[in-house]
Protein backbone atom coordinates (compact mmCIF):
# COMPACT_ATOMS: atom_id res chain seq x y z
CA UNK A 1 22.44 -44.01 4.89
CA UNK A 2 21.52 -42.98 8.43
CA UNK A 3 18.13 -41.52 9.15
CA UNK A 4 17.39 -38.52 11.35
CA UNK A 5 14.31 -37.47 13.20
CA UNK A 6 13.32 -33.93 12.25
CA UNK A 7 10.45 -31.85 11.04
CA UNK A 8 11.59 -31.23 7.49
CA UNK A 9 9.31 -28.26 6.89
CA UNK A 10 10.67 -26.37 9.88
CA UNK A 11 14.37 -27.20 9.76
CA UNK A 12 15.46 -28.28 6.29
CA UNK A 13 16.57 -25.80 3.64
CA UNK A 14 18.64 -26.05 0.50
CA UNK A 15 21.98 -24.26 0.12
CA UNK A 16 21.45 -20.92 -1.59
CA UNK A 17 25.09 -20.33 -2.54
CA UNK A 18 25.57 -23.87 -3.83
CA UNK A 19 22.49 -23.56 -6.05
CA UNK A 20 23.63 -20.21 -7.41
CA UNK A 21 27.20 -21.40 -8.02
CA UNK A 22 25.92 -24.41 -9.97
CA UNK A 23 23.73 -22.19 -12.13
CA UNK A 24 26.63 -19.85 -12.84
CA UNK A 25 29.04 -22.69 -13.66
CA UNK A 26 26.52 -24.21 -16.06
CA UNK A 27 25.98 -20.77 -17.65
CA UNK A 28 29.66 -20.59 -18.64
CA UNK A 29 29.00 -23.24 -21.27
CA UNK A 30 27.79 -21.17 -24.21
CA UNK A 31 28.11 -17.81 -22.44
CA UNK A 32 27.41 -14.82 -24.70
CA UNK A 33 29.02 -11.35 -24.54
CA UNK A 34 25.74 -9.83 -23.38
CA UNK A 35 25.53 -12.13 -20.35
CA UNK A 36 23.22 -14.78 -21.74
CA UNK A 37 23.68 -18.32 -23.01
CA UNK A 38 23.62 -19.85 -26.49
CA UNK A 39 23.63 -23.62 -25.88
CA UNK A 40 21.30 -25.14 -28.42
CA UNK A 41 20.14 -28.73 -28.30
CA UNK A 42 22.53 -31.53 -29.23
CA UNK A 43 25.50 -29.28 -29.95
CA UNK A 44 28.93 -29.87 -28.42
CA UNK A 45 28.11 -27.24 -25.79
CA UNK A 46 24.99 -29.23 -24.92
CA UNK A 47 27.21 -32.30 -24.59
CA UNK A 48 29.50 -30.45 -22.19
CA UNK A 49 26.53 -29.33 -20.08
CA UNK A 50 25.14 -32.88 -20.03
CA UNK A 51 28.52 -34.28 -19.03
CA UNK A 52 28.76 -31.77 -16.18
CA UNK A 53 25.28 -32.67 -14.92
CA UNK A 54 26.08 -36.40 -15.05
CA UNK A 55 29.38 -35.82 -13.23
CA UNK A 56 27.65 -33.88 -10.46
CA UNK A 57 24.91 -36.49 -10.08
CA UNK A 58 27.33 -39.41 -9.95
CA UNK A 59 29.25 -37.58 -7.24
CA UNK A 60 26.00 -37.67 -5.22
CA UNK A 61 25.63 -41.43 -5.68
CA UNK A 62 22.94 -41.29 -8.36
CA UNK A 63 22.49 -43.91 -11.03
CA UNK A 64 22.31 -42.56 -14.60
CA UNK A 65 20.10 -43.73 -17.45
CA UNK A 66 19.79 -42.25 -20.95
CA UNK A 67 16.89 -43.16 -23.23
CA UNK A 68 16.67 -43.26 -27.02
CA UNK A 69 15.79 -39.57 -27.42
CA UNK A 70 18.64 -38.54 -25.09
CA UNK A 71 16.69 -37.75 -21.93
CA UNK A 72 18.95 -38.17 -18.87
CA UNK A 73 17.52 -39.70 -15.68
CA UNK A 74 19.58 -39.38 -12.47
CA UNK A 75 18.06 -41.40 -9.64
CA UNK A 76 18.73 -41.25 -5.92
CA UNK A 77 17.57 -44.61 -4.50
CA UNK A 78 14.77 -44.88 -1.99
CA UNK A 79 14.42 -47.36 0.83
CA UNK A 80 11.75 -49.17 -1.19
CA UNK A 81 13.12 -49.29 -4.78
CA UNK A 82 9.91 -50.72 -6.21
CA UNK A 83 7.90 -47.62 -5.36
CA UNK A 84 7.05 -45.17 -8.15
CA UNK A 85 9.59 -42.35 -8.36
CA UNK A 86 9.11 -38.75 -7.30
CA UNK A 87 10.58 -36.86 -10.23
CA UNK A 88 11.69 -33.33 -11.00
CA UNK A 89 13.61 -31.68 -13.79
CA UNK A 90 13.52 -29.45 -16.83
CA UNK A 91 15.96 -28.75 -19.69
CA UNK A 92 19.43 -27.30 -20.22
CA UNK A 93 19.24 -26.40 -23.92
CA UNK A 94 18.70 -22.71 -24.64
CA UNK A 95 17.50 -20.32 -27.29
CA UNK A 96 20.20 -18.74 -29.52
CA UNK A 97 19.89 -15.60 -27.38
CA UNK A 98 18.81 -17.36 -24.19
CA UNK A 99 19.34 -16.62 -20.52
CA UNK A 100 20.93 -18.40 -17.58
CA UNK A 101 17.75 -19.61 -15.87
CA UNK A 102 15.12 -20.83 -18.34
CA UNK A 103 15.04 -24.60 -17.84
CA UNK A 104 18.49 -24.70 -16.26
CA UNK A 105 17.08 -23.55 -12.92
CA UNK A 106 14.71 -26.52 -12.79
CA UNK A 107 17.54 -29.00 -13.37
CA UNK A 108 19.97 -27.39 -10.93
CA UNK A 109 17.21 -27.09 -8.31
CA UNK A 110 16.58 -30.83 -8.63
CA UNK A 111 20.27 -31.51 -8.17
CA UNK A 112 20.30 -29.22 -5.13
CA UNK A 113 17.42 -31.21 -3.62
CA UNK A 114 19.52 -34.38 -3.88
CA UNK A 115 22.61 -32.65 -2.50
CA UNK A 116 20.60 -31.36 0.47
CA UNK A 117 19.15 -34.79 1.26
CA UNK A 118 22.60 -36.34 1.10
CA UNK A 119 24.13 -33.58 3.22
CA UNK A 120 21.58 -34.18 5.97
CA UNK A 121 21.59 -37.99 5.66
CA UNK A 122 17.88 -38.10 4.90
CA UNK A 123 16.42 -41.26 3.40
CA UNK A 124 13.11 -41.40 1.56
CA UNK A 125 10.89 -44.38 0.92
CA UNK A 126 10.42 -43.63 -2.78
CA UNK A 127 13.32 -42.98 -5.17
CA UNK A 128 13.92 -39.37 -6.18
CA UNK A 129 14.86 -38.66 -9.77
CA UNK A 130 16.11 -35.61 -11.65
CA UNK A 131 15.63 -35.57 -15.41
CA UNK A 132 17.12 -33.47 -18.19
CA UNK A 133 14.64 -33.41 -21.07
CA UNK A 134 16.08 -33.23 -24.58
CA UNK A 135 15.42 -30.28 -26.89
CA UNK A 136 12.72 -28.42 -24.98
CA UNK A 137 13.29 -25.19 -26.87
CA UNK A 138 12.91 -26.62 -30.38
CA UNK A 139 14.92 -23.79 -31.94
CA UNK A 140 17.44 -26.07 -33.70
CA UNK A 141 15.20 -29.11 -34.16
CA UNK A 142 11.42 -28.64 -34.25
CA UNK A 143 9.18 -29.31 -32.44
CA UNK A 144 9.68 -27.99 -28.93
CA UNK A 145 9.39 -30.24 -25.85
CA UNK A 146 10.71 -33.12 -27.95
CA UNK A 147 12.22 -35.25 -25.16
CA UNK A 148 9.21 -35.15 -22.86
CA UNK A 149 6.91 -35.58 -25.85
CA UNK A 150 8.60 -38.82 -26.88
CA UNK A 151 8.78 -40.03 -23.28
CA UNK A 152 5.04 -39.62 -22.83
CA UNK A 153 4.09 -41.01 -26.23
CA UNK A 154 2.81 -37.65 -27.51
CA UNK A 155 5.53 -37.61 -30.19
CA UNK A 156 6.77 -40.56 -32.23
CA UNK A 157 10.38 -41.55 -31.53
CA UNK A 158 11.40 -42.48 -35.08
CA UNK A 159 9.84 -39.37 -36.53
CA UNK A 160 11.65 -37.18 -33.99
CA UNK A 161 14.99 -38.91 -34.62
CA UNK A 162 14.57 -38.07 -38.30
CA UNK A 163 13.96 -34.35 -37.71
CA UNK A 164 16.73 -32.19 -39.18
CA UNK A 165 18.28 -28.82 -38.40
CA UNK A 166 18.86 -26.13 -41.07
CA UNK A 167 22.15 -27.83 -42.02
CA UNK A 168 20.46 -31.19 -42.63
CA UNK A 169 21.79 -32.88 -39.46
CA UNK A 170 19.23 -35.27 -37.98
CA UNK A 171 18.37 -35.58 -34.29
CA UNK A 172 19.51 -39.21 -34.38
CA UNK A 173 22.91 -38.33 -35.84
CA UNK A 174 23.35 -35.42 -33.46
CA UNK A 175 22.60 -37.64 -30.44
CA UNK A 176 25.19 -40.15 -31.65
CA UNK A 177 27.74 -37.39 -32.28
CA UNK A 178 27.52 -36.08 -28.72
CA UNK A 179 27.35 -39.56 -27.15
CA UNK A 180 23.81 -39.36 -25.82
CA UNK A 181 21.93 -41.84 -28.00
CA UNK A 182 20.82 -44.04 -25.11
CA UNK A 183 19.40 -47.53 -24.84
CA UNK A 184 17.64 -47.33 -21.47
CA UNK A 185 13.97 -48.24 -21.32
CA UNK A 186 12.53 -45.81 -18.78
CA UNK A 187 8.92 -46.47 -17.77
CA UNK A 188 6.57 -43.52 -18.02
CA UNK A 189 3.97 -45.29 -15.87
CA UNK A 190 6.19 -45.51 -12.77
CA UNK A 191 5.97 -41.87 -11.64
CA UNK A 192 4.23 -40.97 -8.38
CA UNK A 193 4.60 -37.22 -8.93
CA UNK A 194 6.50 -34.84 -11.18
CA UNK A 195 7.41 -31.28 -10.17
CA UNK A 196 9.06 -28.65 -12.39
CA UNK A 197 10.35 -25.43 -10.86
CA UNK A 198 10.84 -22.60 -13.34
CA UNK A 199 11.17 -18.87 -13.66
CA UNK A 200 7.75 -17.47 -14.54
CA UNK A 201 8.84 -15.94 -17.89
CA UNK A 202 6.15 -13.33 -17.34
CA UNK A 203 5.55 -10.29 -15.11
CA UNK A 204 2.66 -11.39 -12.89
CA UNK A 205 4.51 -12.54 -9.75
CA UNK A 206 6.76 -9.49 -9.77
CA UNK A 207 3.77 -7.20 -10.37
CA UNK A 208 1.84 -8.81 -7.48
CA UNK A 209 4.82 -8.91 -5.12
CA UNK A 210 4.67 -12.70 -4.66
CA UNK A 211 7.62 -15.07 -4.33
CA UNK A 212 6.00 -18.36 -5.35
CA UNK A 213 3.58 -19.12 -8.15
CA UNK A 214 1.48 -22.21 -7.39
CA UNK A 215 0.89 -23.27 -10.98
CA UNK A 216 -2.54 -24.82 -11.46
CA UNK A 217 -2.15 -25.53 -15.16
CA UNK A 218 -1.19 -24.22 -18.57
CA UNK A 219 -3.09 -22.49 -21.32
CA UNK A 220 -4.23 -24.49 -24.30
CA UNK A 221 -2.94 -23.27 -27.64
CA UNK A 222 -4.28 -23.20 -31.19
CA UNK A 223 -1.91 -21.92 -33.87
CA UNK A 224 -2.73 -21.06 -37.47
CA UNK A 225 -1.00 -19.89 -40.63
CA UNK A 226 -3.11 -17.56 -42.74
CA UNK A 227 -2.48 -16.57 -46.36
CA UNK A 228 -4.56 -13.69 -47.74
CA UNK A 229 -4.36 -13.15 -51.48
CA UNK A 230 -5.64 -10.03 -53.20
CA UNK A 231 -4.13 -8.24 -56.17
CA UNK A 232 -1.04 -6.10 -56.56
CA UNK A 233 -1.75 -2.77 -58.25
CA UNK A 234 -0.20 0.65 -58.64
CA UNK A 235 -0.72 2.71 -55.47
CA UNK A 236 -1.40 5.93 -57.40
CA UNK A 237 -3.86 5.21 -60.20
CA UNK A 238 -5.94 2.59 -58.35
CA UNK A 239 -8.96 4.10 -56.50
CA UNK A 240 -9.54 2.96 -52.94
CA UNK A 241 -12.93 1.47 -53.80
CA UNK A 242 -11.42 -0.84 -56.43
CA UNK A 243 -8.52 -2.22 -54.40
CA UNK A 244 -8.03 -5.81 -53.20
CA UNK A 245 -5.51 -4.94 -50.51
CA UNK A 246 -4.32 -8.05 -48.68
CA UNK A 247 -2.56 -6.01 -46.00
CA UNK A 248 -5.73 -4.08 -45.21
CA UNK A 249 -7.47 -7.41 -44.55
CA UNK A 250 -4.52 -8.61 -42.45
CA UNK A 251 -4.60 -5.43 -40.37
CA UNK A 252 -8.29 -5.87 -39.67
CA UNK A 253 -7.77 -9.51 -38.68
CA UNK A 254 -4.85 -8.57 -36.42
CA UNK A 255 -7.01 -6.08 -34.58
CA UNK A 256 -9.83 -8.62 -34.29
CA UNK A 257 -7.50 -11.34 -32.94
CA UNK A 258 -6.68 -9.00 -30.07
CA UNK A 259 -10.37 -8.21 -29.59
CA UNK A 260 -11.25 -11.92 -29.42
CA UNK A 261 -8.60 -12.44 -26.74
CA UNK A 262 -9.75 -9.43 -24.72
CA UNK A 263 -13.32 -10.71 -24.78
CA UNK A 264 -12.21 -13.89 -22.96
CA UNK A 265 -10.25 -12.64 -19.99
CA UNK A 266 -8.45 -13.31 -17.72
CA UNK A 267 -6.90 -16.20 -19.65
CA UNK A 268 -7.52 -15.22 -23.27
CA UNK A 269 -4.45 -14.58 -25.41
CA UNK A 270 -4.27 -13.61 -29.07
CA UNK A 271 -1.11 -12.85 -31.03
CA UNK A 272 -0.08 -12.21 -34.61
CA UNK A 273 3.66 -12.79 -34.40
CA UNK A 274 4.67 -13.12 -38.06
CA UNK A 275 3.56 -11.09 -41.06
CA UNK A 276 5.17 -11.22 -44.51
CA UNK A 277 3.93 -8.75 -47.12
CA UNK A 278 4.31 -9.28 -50.88
CA UNK A 279 5.68 -7.66 -52.96
CA UNK A 280 6.90 -5.22 -50.31
CA UNK A 281 7.16 -2.10 -52.45
CA UNK A 282 6.09 1.31 -51.17
CA UNK A 283 4.08 2.17 -54.25
CA UNK A 284 2.43 -1.22 -54.86
CA UNK A 285 -0.78 -2.30 -53.15
CA UNK A 286 0.06 -5.53 -51.26
CA UNK A 287 -1.24 -8.53 -53.16
CA UNK A 288 -0.51 -11.19 -50.57
CA UNK A 289 0.12 -11.49 -46.85
CA UNK A 290 1.32 -14.56 -44.94
CA UNK A 291 0.74 -14.32 -41.20
CA UNK A 292 0.67 -16.42 -38.04
CA UNK A 293 -2.11 -16.44 -35.45
CA UNK A 294 -1.71 -17.76 -31.89
CA UNK A 295 -4.80 -18.21 -29.68
CA UNK A 296 -4.63 -19.42 -26.05
CA UNK A 297 -7.00 -20.07 -23.15
CA UNK A 298 -7.23 -22.18 -20.00
CA UNK A 299 -10.68 -23.54 -20.84
CA UNK A 300 -10.91 -25.96 -23.77
CA UNK A 301 -14.45 -24.95 -24.81
CA UNK A 302 -13.58 -21.27 -24.69
CA UNK A 303 -10.46 -21.87 -26.77
CA UNK A 304 -12.57 -23.70 -29.36
CA UNK A 305 -15.04 -20.81 -29.39
CA UNK A 306 -12.18 -18.37 -29.97
CA UNK A 307 -10.95 -20.45 -32.89
CA UNK A 308 -14.46 -20.60 -34.35
CA UNK A 309 -14.70 -16.83 -34.09
CA UNK A 310 -11.43 -16.56 -35.98
CA UNK A 311 -12.73 -18.77 -38.80
CA UNK A 312 -15.85 -16.64 -39.20
CA UNK A 313 -13.81 -13.47 -38.98
CA UNK A 314 -11.48 -14.55 -41.79
CA UNK A 315 -14.45 -15.40 -44.01
CA UNK A 316 -16.07 -12.02 -43.38
CA UNK A 317 -12.91 -9.98 -43.94
CA UNK A 318 -12.05 -11.89 -47.10
CA UNK A 319 -15.48 -11.34 -48.63
CA UNK A 320 -15.56 -7.63 -47.84
CA UNK A 321 -12.09 -6.96 -49.24
CA UNK A 322 -12.25 -9.30 -52.22
CA UNK A 323 -9.55 -11.63 -50.91
CA UNK A 324 -8.90 -15.35 -51.09
CA UNK A 325 -8.04 -16.84 -47.68
CA UNK A 326 -6.28 -20.06 -46.70
CA UNK A 327 -6.37 -20.70 -42.93
CA UNK A 328 -4.26 -23.70 -41.90
CA UNK A 329 -4.08 -25.08 -38.30
CA UNK A 330 -0.45 -25.72 -37.33
CA UNK A 331 -0.63 -26.64 -33.63
CA UNK A 332 -3.32 -27.70 -31.18
CA UNK A 333 -2.45 -28.18 -27.51
CA UNK A 334 -5.28 -28.80 -25.08
CA UNK A 335 -5.22 -26.88 -21.77
CA UNK A 336 -3.39 -28.72 -18.99
CA UNK A 337 -4.88 -28.80 -15.49
CA UNK A 338 -2.26 -30.06 -13.07
CA UNK A 339 -2.82 -32.70 -10.39
CA UNK A 340 -4.68 -31.43 -7.31
CA UNK A 341 -2.33 -33.52 -5.19
CA UNK A 342 0.77 -31.84 -6.65
CA UNK A 343 -0.80 -28.38 -6.48
CA UNK A 344 -1.65 -28.97 -2.81
CA UNK A 345 1.91 -30.13 -2.10
CA UNK A 346 3.33 -26.90 -3.56
CA UNK A 347 0.80 -24.76 -1.72
CA UNK A 348 1.41 -26.61 1.56
CA UNK A 349 5.18 -26.21 1.28
CA UNK A 350 4.81 -22.48 0.53
CA UNK A 351 2.56 -22.00 3.55
CA UNK A 352 4.78 -23.93 5.92
CA UNK A 353 7.89 -22.08 4.75
CA UNK A 354 6.12 -18.73 5.12
CA UNK A 355 6.56 -17.63 1.50
CA UNK A 356 4.12 -15.29 -0.18
CA UNK A 357 2.37 -17.13 -2.99
CA UNK A 358 -0.52 -17.08 -5.43
CA UNK A 359 -2.19 -19.39 -7.91
CA UNK A 360 -1.06 -18.80 -11.47
CA UNK A 361 -1.62 -20.31 -14.90
CA UNK A 362 1.33 -20.86 -17.22
CA UNK A 363 1.01 -19.13 -20.55
CA UNK A 364 4.03 -20.93 -22.01
CA UNK A 365 4.71 -24.55 -22.86
CA UNK A 366 6.76 -26.67 -20.44
CA UNK A 367 7.81 -30.31 -20.19
CA UNK A 368 5.53 -30.69 -17.15
CA UNK A 369 2.56 -30.23 -19.47
CA UNK A 370 3.38 -33.42 -21.37
CA UNK A 371 4.19 -35.27 -18.14
CA UNK A 372 0.86 -34.17 -16.68
CA UNK A 373 -0.93 -36.19 -19.36
CA UNK A 374 0.49 -39.50 -18.09
CA UNK A 375 1.27 -38.85 -14.39
CA UNK A 376 0.43 -36.43 -11.54
CA UNK A 377 2.36 -33.22 -12.21
CA UNK A 378 2.73 -29.70 -10.89
CA UNK A 379 4.89 -26.62 -11.33
CA UNK A 380 6.45 -23.96 -9.14
CA UNK A 381 7.13 -20.48 -10.51
CA UNK A 382 9.46 -17.82 -9.14
CA UNK A 383 9.67 -14.23 -10.42
CA UNK A 384 12.03 -13.14 -13.15
CA UNK A 385 13.04 -9.53 -13.56
CA UNK A 386 10.45 -7.54 -15.55
CA UNK A 387 9.06 -10.85 -16.79
CA UNK A 388 11.78 -11.06 -19.45
CA UNK A 389 12.85 -14.47 -20.75
CA UNK A 390 14.19 -15.97 -24.00
CA UNK A 391 16.57 -13.04 -23.81
CA UNK A 392 20.21 -12.64 -22.79
CA UNK A 393 19.25 -10.15 -20.07
CA UNK A 394 16.95 -12.72 -18.40
CA UNK A 395 17.50 -12.41 -14.64
CA UNK A 396 16.21 -13.79 -11.34
CA UNK A 397 17.08 -12.95 -7.74
CA UNK A 398 19.17 -15.56 -5.89
CA UNK A 399 16.79 -15.32 -2.92
CA UNK A 400 13.75 -16.12 -5.07
CA UNK A 401 15.53 -19.02 -6.75
CA UNK A 402 16.46 -20.37 -3.33
CA UNK A 403 12.90 -20.05 -2.03
CA UNK A 404 11.54 -21.89 -5.07
CA UNK A 405 14.08 -24.64 -4.53
CA UNK A 406 13.01 -24.98 -0.90
CA UNK A 407 9.39 -25.34 -2.00
CA UNK A 408 10.47 -28.01 -4.49
CA UNK A 409 12.37 -29.86 -1.75
CA UNK A 410 9.41 -30.03 0.60
CA UNK A 411 6.83 -30.77 -2.07
CA UNK A 412 8.96 -33.71 -3.18
CA UNK A 413 9.53 -34.91 0.38
CA UNK A 414 5.78 -34.89 1.01
CA UNK A 415 5.39 -37.28 -1.90
CA UNK A 416 8.54 -39.37 -1.35
CA UNK A 417 7.98 -39.74 2.44
CA UNK A 418 10.89 -39.42 4.85
CA UNK A 419 11.75 -42.70 6.58
């Protein structure tokens, strides 16, 4: 491949129409009547999307490897093959009522980077690799971020292969059925830098009028299931002072979860997303409530303090309302602070390209979070309309997607080094 002498920051841009067309072609696989995508992990539609990605990458001269959990690695060779790779990627599985851009944008942007380098005959010293991570969403097979979790050693391969969907189909069988149960041994310690470009999935960039989010990290998360048990009783004859109303306790805890989060701004988050009331009759005092609690923060000590406040809160509410409480931790993700080197590369590319940008913290989980625990990693956010995601109406402007892809291109080139 011939080399050219140019200033890549000034002259090199990706192809906006080609990126958009690839996203729209991918979105046809599993398209829903409302304009979204239902392409859940390891279904035949997922196979079709994987096959299309592999076909496109092979057309660009990439080598393809598939590991045991089905992650796909498409590598464009560098001049010095022994150098650690500069990697990008995301996922192409969706929620049942997903959109066209969540995850898919990060994969198609990586492909567009390779297409642009090939189009302009640009050679890099380090190899460049685009990866499709398996089952990021976790809606068919829990847990989420399965492929990147196995790759980084955060999740156990055999245990993940044994996970089943609601119909009893295992991950291992599903991978075999779609032809993506791979044998490649892909080293997780041979990555120079990993970048993931993604729609924000929140409203901050749009609200602030910024094109690029320079993601400095991701919130830590502590999840709990809480069961409050009181006593069912007739709503009419039972005086208020003698009730053991489980829903009254749950309501007080819900309000306090929001208070705890508001006391730890700007990064505090507190959510009760599930609440099941038993027996669910209008004239029976609720005897039991099952509820979920989700706490998040960017600082590990603060997140621990929030969780401790929750424990004390549950004890207090239970005692005052005569309830029995069972608080069970269900997930614990430490905050992720991305590599300064990767953050600087994203910021530098945004400055040189003249794009408005701001530092931002991801409130959601992403594959880059797992990768950041074993290699330098960073993320690039672009706005999505009204901050809506995991929804069929999810939307992003072609110009913003193109700008984010350009930032990805130049951040990767800074790490891969043009010959």
